[in-house]
Amino acid sequence: MSTIEKALAKQKKRNDSLDSNEIEAKEDAASSNISTKDNDINASVTASVKEQLNLDTQDLSERGFLIDTGSRKSIKDEFRQIKRKLLNNAFGAGSKMLTNGNLVMVSSSKPNEGKTFVSINLALSIALEQDKTVLLIDADVLRPSVNRELGLDSKPGLIEYLLGEKTDISEILYSTNINKLKLIPAGEPHHLSNELLASDKMASLAQELANRYPDRIVIFDCPPLIGVTETLVLANLMGQALVVVEESKTKLADIKQATESINENVAVGLVLNKATRSHQDMYGYYGYGYGYNAK
């Protein structure tokens, strides 16, 4: 082999070695990119899995809330009567006459008449159904009390979504240790809380909730109807409305004022709360009568 041929052979060997190193470098870089992407995906999945909210069912039961213990209690039967009418209007024969029949607001004419107690117990009762789920939303953004009554810490919720701080419903929707019960908290109080309830974004949210899960009842624990004009705006997004009436306290004039401005296409029911019964009845204080009439 001539000197020239030896030089050419040596150069070729050097080039082959460089090509091999370059290929290895590219493969290492590609592997690194894949690893980074996998880590990003894993981080994203982890971030999207929120903690489950654990309710103290024993404490709730002791405080009069409807926790299924297998025993027959009068409160269970009373809420069963209420929910049957709601479910029929949401999914049965009555649904043909209502728009968004699976959206139910619970309110009262004035504060402290027991609307949150009714909202929570109604949600717990519906969660016992075999083929339905229930979403409880604390929409009383000025005086949120659902989380407090359930013994839960404050969490990002409706306010953060309406402000745009949370961009997807899944970010504020929490599962609980009670099967078929989900929760959207009110979130942190804001000086525009009431205005947010009357916003276009709230209307869009209500419509999405009505259509996304056709087998789900959505219960809104709302501010009182008297004194909070935005509650009526919210009411007219619903298919059904329950107005809680405290026996011997709520005035007939207040009931009329609270209900007369609700859209005539919304089915309106009355729940008689704190009805006085015989002292023999252990649930005398939390008795419920129920009248239901669509306008």
Protein backbone atom coordinates (compact mmCIF):
# COMPACT_ATOMS: atom_id res chain seq x y z
CA MET A 1 0.00 0.00 0.00
CA SER A 2 1.37 3.38 -0.98
CA THR A 3 1.90 6.23 1.46
CA ILE A 4 -1.10 8.07 -0.04
CA GLU A 5 -3.34 5.03 0.35
CA LYS A 6 -2.24 4.61 3.97
CA ALA A 7 -3.02 8.28 4.66
CA LEU A 8 -6.49 7.97 3.09
CA ALA A 9 -7.26 4.82 5.08
CA LYS A 10 -6.20 6.53 8.34
CA GLN A 11 -8.40 9.55 7.58
CA LYS A 12 -11.40 7.34 6.83
CA LYS A 13 -10.94 5.52 10.12
CA ARG A 14 -10.86 8.87 11.97
CA ASN A 15 -14.06 10.04 10.20
CA ASP A 16 -15.84 6.80 11.05
CA SER A 17 -14.90 7.28 14.70
CA LEU A 18 -16.20 10.87 14.68
CA ASP A 19 -19.48 9.77 13.05
CA SER A 20 -19.89 7.11 15.71
CA ASN A 21 -19.31 9.60 18.52
CA GLU A 22 -21.76 12.07 16.97
CA ILE A 23 -24.41 9.39 16.68
CA GLU A 24 -23.90 8.41 20.31
CA ALA A 25 -24.13 12.06 21.35
CA LYS A 26 -27.39 12.49 19.42
CA GLU A 27 -28.80 9.31 20.95
CA ASP A 28 -27.86 10.50 24.44
CA ALA A 29 -29.51 13.87 23.77
CA ALA A 30 -32.65 12.18 22.44
CA SER A 31 -32.76 9.89 25.47
CA SER A 32 -32.39 12.90 27.74
CA ASN A 33 -35.24 14.70 25.96
CA ILE A 34 -37.48 11.63 26.29
CA SER A 35 -36.64 11.38 29.98
CA THR A 36 -37.42 15.09 30.47
CA LYS A 37 -40.73 14.75 28.65
CA ASP A 38 -41.62 11.69 30.74
CA ASN A 39 -40.87 13.66 33.89
CA ASP A 40 -43.00 16.57 32.64
CA ILE A 41 -45.89 14.21 31.88
CA ASN A 42 -45.58 12.51 35.27
CA ALA A 43 -45.50 15.90 36.99
CA SER A 44 -48.57 17.01 35.05
CA VAL A 45 -50.49 13.85 35.94
CA THR A 46 -49.50 14.19 39.59
CA ALA A 47 -50.61 17.83 39.65
CA SER A 48 -53.99 16.95 38.14
CA VAL A 49 -54.77 14.37 40.85
CA LYS A 50 -56.22 16.36 43.76
CA GLU A 51 -56.47 15.11 47.28
CA GLN A 52 -59.69 13.42 48.30
CA LEU A 53 -61.65 15.32 50.91
CA ASN A 54 -62.31 13.06 53.88
CA LEU A 55 -65.47 13.78 55.84
CA ASP A 56 -65.81 12.70 59.45
CA THR A 57 -68.98 10.68 58.99
CA GLN A 58 -69.38 9.89 62.67
CA ASP A 59 -69.24 13.57 63.62
CA LEU A 60 -71.66 14.48 60.83
CA SER A 61 -74.10 11.80 61.97
CA GLU A 62 -73.94 13.02 65.57
CA ARG A 63 -74.73 16.56 64.39
CA GLY A 64 -77.88 15.46 62.59
CA PHE A 65 -76.60 15.00 59.05
CA LEU A 66 -77.84 12.14 56.93
CA ILE A 67 -75.08 9.53 57.02
CA ASP A 68 -76.16 6.07 55.90
CA THR A 69 -75.76 3.80 58.92
CA GLY A 70 -78.28 1.21 57.79
CA SER A 71 -80.83 2.30 60.39
CA ARG A 72 -84.12 3.91 59.51
CA LYS A 73 -84.33 7.47 60.76
CA SER A 74 -87.15 9.92 60.20
CA ILE A 75 -84.74 12.42 58.64
CA LYS A 76 -83.81 9.86 55.98
CA ASP A 77 -87.45 9.34 55.04
CA GLU A 78 -88.13 13.06 54.94
CA PHE A 79 -85.28 13.78 52.55
CA ARG A 80 -86.22 10.75 50.49
CA GLN A 81 -89.59 12.39 49.80
CA ILE A 82 -87.92 15.63 48.76
CA LYS A 83 -85.32 14.05 46.49
CA ARG A 84 -87.89 11.86 44.70
CA LYS A 85 -89.65 14.98 43.43
CA LEU A 86 -86.35 16.55 42.42
CA LEU A 87 -85.15 13.41 40.61
CA ASN A 88 -88.44 13.07 38.77
CA ASN A 89 -88.18 16.66 37.56
CA ALA A 90 -84.55 16.18 36.58
CA PHE A 91 -84.73 12.79 34.85
CA GLY A 92 -88.32 11.58 34.84
CA ALA A 93 -91.59 12.77 33.37
CA GLY A 94 -91.17 16.28 34.75
CA SER A 95 -87.89 16.81 32.91
CA LYS A 96 -89.73 17.42 29.63
CA MET A 97 -91.11 20.67 31.00
CA LEU A 98 -87.88 22.02 32.53
CA THR A 99 -84.62 23.40 31.20
CA ASN A 100 -81.59 22.36 33.23
CA GLY A 101 -83.76 20.28 35.53
CA ASN A 102 -80.68 18.70 37.08
CA LEU A 103 -79.53 22.08 38.43
CA VAL A 104 -81.13 22.73 41.83
CA MET A 105 -80.68 25.85 43.93
CA VAL A 106 -81.33 25.81 47.68
CA SER A 107 -81.96 29.19 49.26
CA SER A 108 -84.14 30.97 51.79
CA SER A 109 -85.77 34.34 52.08
CA LYS A 110 -83.31 35.53 54.75
CA PRO A 111 -80.20 34.17 56.51
CA ASN A 112 -80.18 31.52 59.25
CA GLU A 113 -83.23 29.56 58.15
CA GLY A 114 -81.32 26.31 57.59
CA LYS A 115 -80.59 26.29 53.85
CA THR A 116 -77.05 24.87 54.20
CA PHE A 117 -78.30 22.09 56.46
CA VAL A 118 -80.90 21.22 53.81
CA SER A 119 -78.36 21.49 50.96
CA ILE A 120 -75.92 19.09 52.60
CA ASN A 121 -78.55 16.56 53.67
CA LEU A 122 -80.17 16.62 50.26
CA ALA A 123 -76.78 15.93 48.64
CA LEU A 124 -76.09 13.10 51.09
CA SER A 125 -79.49 11.59 50.38
CA ILE A 126 -79.02 11.69 46.59
CA ALA A 127 -75.54 10.14 47.00
CA LEU A 128 -77.33 7.01 48.26
CA GLU A 129 -78.93 6.49 44.85
CA GLN A 130 -77.56 3.56 42.83
CA ASP A 131 -77.42 5.25 39.42
CA LYS A 132 -76.98 8.95 40.21
CA THR A 133 -74.14 11.16 41.41
CA VAL A 134 -74.40 14.52 43.11
CA LEU A 135 -72.26 17.65 43.06
CA LEU A 136 -72.67 20.11 45.94
CA ILE A 137 -71.55 23.68 45.20
CA ASP A 138 -71.15 26.33 47.87
CA ALA A 139 -72.43 29.34 45.94
CA ASP A 140 -73.02 31.46 49.05
CA VAL A 141 -69.79 33.28 48.31
CA LEU A 142 -70.38 36.06 50.86
CA ARG A 143 -71.01 33.71 53.78
CA PRO A 144 -69.66 30.31 52.71
CA SER A 145 -70.49 27.60 55.22
CA VAL A 146 -70.56 24.22 53.42
CA ASN A 147 -66.89 23.44 54.14
CA ARG A 148 -67.25 24.59 57.73
CA GLU A 149 -70.32 22.42 58.31
CA LEU A 150 -68.56 19.44 56.74
CA GLY A 151 -65.49 20.00 58.91
CA LEU A 152 -63.20 20.80 55.98
CA ASP A 153 -60.47 23.38 55.55
CA SER A 154 -60.86 26.16 52.99
CA LYS A 155 -59.97 25.14 49.43
CA PRO A 156 -59.77 26.95 46.06
CA GLY A 157 -63.21 26.87 44.52
CA LEU A 158 -65.92 28.78 42.72
CA ILE A 159 -64.46 32.26 43.28
CA GLU A 160 -61.04 31.27 41.94
CA TYR A 161 -62.65 29.77 38.84
CA LEU A 162 -64.83 32.80 38.14
CA LEU A 163 -61.81 35.09 38.59
CA GLY A 164 -59.84 33.04 36.07
CA GLU A 165 -57.25 31.90 38.61
CA LYS A 166 -58.36 28.33 37.93
CA THR A 167 -59.04 27.64 34.27
CA ASP A 168 -60.74 24.24 34.33
CA ILE A 169 -63.62 22.92 36.40
CA SER A 170 -61.58 19.85 37.32
CA GLU A 171 -59.22 22.12 39.29
CA ILE A 172 -61.94 23.07 41.77
CA LEU A 173 -64.00 19.85 41.80
CA TYR A 174 -63.13 17.54 44.70
CA SER A 175 -64.02 13.92 45.33
CA THR A 176 -64.97 12.87 48.86
CA ASN A 177 -64.82 9.65 50.84
CA ILE A 178 -68.60 9.43 50.43
CA ASN A 179 -69.23 7.51 47.23
CA LYS A 180 -70.97 9.56 44.49
CA LEU A 181 -70.63 12.86 46.36
CA LYS A 182 -68.42 15.57 44.88
CA LEU A 183 -67.87 19.11 46.09
CA ILE A 184 -66.99 22.56 44.76
CA PRO A 185 -66.16 24.93 47.66
CA ALA A 186 -66.87 28.66 47.59
CA GLY A 187 -63.18 29.58 47.67
CA GLU A 188 -61.64 32.65 49.24
CA PRO A 189 -63.97 35.66 49.77
CA HIS A 190 -63.57 38.48 47.26
CA HIS A 191 -64.89 42.02 47.15
CA LEU A 192 -66.64 41.23 43.83
CA SER A 193 -68.14 37.94 45.03
CA ASN A 194 -71.76 38.85 44.29
CA GLU A 195 -70.96 40.37 40.90
CA LEU A 196 -69.14 37.16 39.95
CA LEU A 197 -72.33 35.17 40.61
CA ALA A 198 -74.12 37.30 38.01
CA SER A 199 -71.32 37.10 35.44
CA ASP A 200 -71.40 35.53 31.98
CA LYS A 201 -68.77 33.06 33.16
CA MET A 202 -71.12 31.86 35.89
CA ALA A 203 -73.86 31.36 33.31
CA SER A 204 -71.47 29.38 31.11
CA LEU A 205 -70.40 27.26 34.07
CA ALA A 206 -73.99 26.44 34.95
CA GLN A 207 -74.71 25.40 31.38
CA GLU A 208 -71.60 23.21 31.26
CA LEU A 209 -72.52 21.53 34.53
CA ALA A 210 -76.03 20.88 33.24
CA ASN A 211 -74.76 19.14 30.12
CA ARG A 212 -71.42 17.54 31.01
CA TYR A 213 -72.86 14.84 33.30
CA PRO A 214 -76.47 14.10 32.33
CA ASP A 215 -76.91 11.65 35.24
CA ARG A 216 -75.74 14.08 37.92
CA ILE A 217 -77.77 16.36 40.18
CA VAL A 218 -75.98 19.65 40.92
CA ILE A 219 -77.04 21.37 44.14
CA PHE A 220 -76.16 25.04 44.65
CA ASP A 221 -76.22 26.31 48.23
CA CYS A 222 -77.08 29.93 47.38
CA PRO A 223 -77.27 33.25 49.24
CA PRO A 224 -80.70 34.35 50.53
CA LEU A 225 -83.15 35.64 47.93
CA ILE A 226 -83.98 38.85 49.78
CA GLY A 227 -81.22 41.43 49.89
CA VAL A 228 -78.88 39.73 47.41
CA THR A 229 -80.06 40.61 43.90
CA GLU A 230 -77.49 38.32 42.28
CA THR A 231 -79.24 35.28 43.79
CA LEU A 232 -82.18 35.85 41.45
CA VAL A 233 -79.80 36.00 38.49
CA LEU A 234 -78.38 32.66 39.61
CA ALA A 235 -81.85 31.24 40.25
CA ASN A 236 -82.86 31.84 36.67
CA LEU A 237 -80.01 29.59 35.48
CA MET A 238 -81.55 26.69 37.41
CA GLY A 239 -84.27 24.23 36.55
CA GLN A 240 -85.45 23.80 40.14
CA ALA A 241 -85.38 25.88 43.31
CA LEU A 242 -85.96 24.93 46.94
CA VAL A 243 -86.80 27.73 49.34
CA VAL A 244 -86.20 26.83 52.98
CA VAL A 245 -88.83 28.17 55.37
CA GLU A 246 -88.31 28.18 59.14
CA GLU A 247 -91.47 27.35 61.02
CA SER A 248 -92.82 30.12 63.26
CA LYS A 249 -90.16 32.54 62.02
CA THR A 250 -90.34 33.08 58.26
CA LYS A 251 -93.07 35.54 57.32
CA LEU A 252 -95.49 34.82 54.50
CA ALA A 253 -94.66 38.20 52.98
CA ASP A 254 -90.99 37.20 52.87
CA ILE A 255 -91.81 33.89 51.18
CA LYS A 256 -93.84 35.72 48.55
CA GLN A 257 -91.12 38.31 47.99
CA ALA A 258 -88.46 35.60 47.77
CA THR A 259 -90.27 33.54 45.15
CA GLU A 260 -92.26 35.97 43.02
CA SER A 261 -89.26 37.15 40.98
CA ILE A 262 -87.97 33.67 40.15
CA ASN A 263 -88.44 32.82 36.49
CA GLU A 264 -91.83 31.16 35.93
CA ASN A 265 -90.11 28.28 34.11
CA VAL A 266 -88.27 27.24 37.28
CA ALA A 267 -90.01 24.61 39.44
CA VAL A 268 -90.19 26.01 42.97
CA GLY A 269 -90.60 23.96 46.14
CA LEU A 270 -90.79 24.88 49.83
CA VAL A 271 -89.02 22.99 52.61
CA LEU A 272 -90.41 23.56 56.11
CA ASN A 273 -87.41 23.52 58.45
CA LYS A 274 -87.20 23.29 62.27
CA ALA A 275 -90.80 22.13 62.58
CA THR A 276 -91.82 21.62 66.20
CA ARG A 277 -92.81 18.05 67.01
CA SER A 278 -93.52 16.04 70.10
CA HIS A 279 -90.64 15.81 72.55
CA GLN A 280 -90.88 12.05 72.05
CA ASP A 281 -89.38 12.55 68.60
CA MET A 282 -85.58 12.72 68.75
CA TYR A 283 -85.57 14.62 65.43
CA GLY A 284 -88.25 17.07 66.48
CA TYR A 285 -86.08 20.13 65.88
CA TYR A 286 -85.09 19.08 62.41
CA GLY A 287 -88.51 18.14 61.10
CA TYR A 288 -89.35 18.75 57.45
CA GLY A 289 -92.61 19.33 55.67
CA TYR A 290 -92.52 19.61 51.92
CA GLY A 291 -94.79 21.37 49.45
CA TYR A 292 -93.95 21.35 45.77
CA ASN A 293 -95.57 23.31 42.99
CA ALA A 294 -94.27 24.32 39.60
CA LYS A 295 -95.42 27.80 38.68
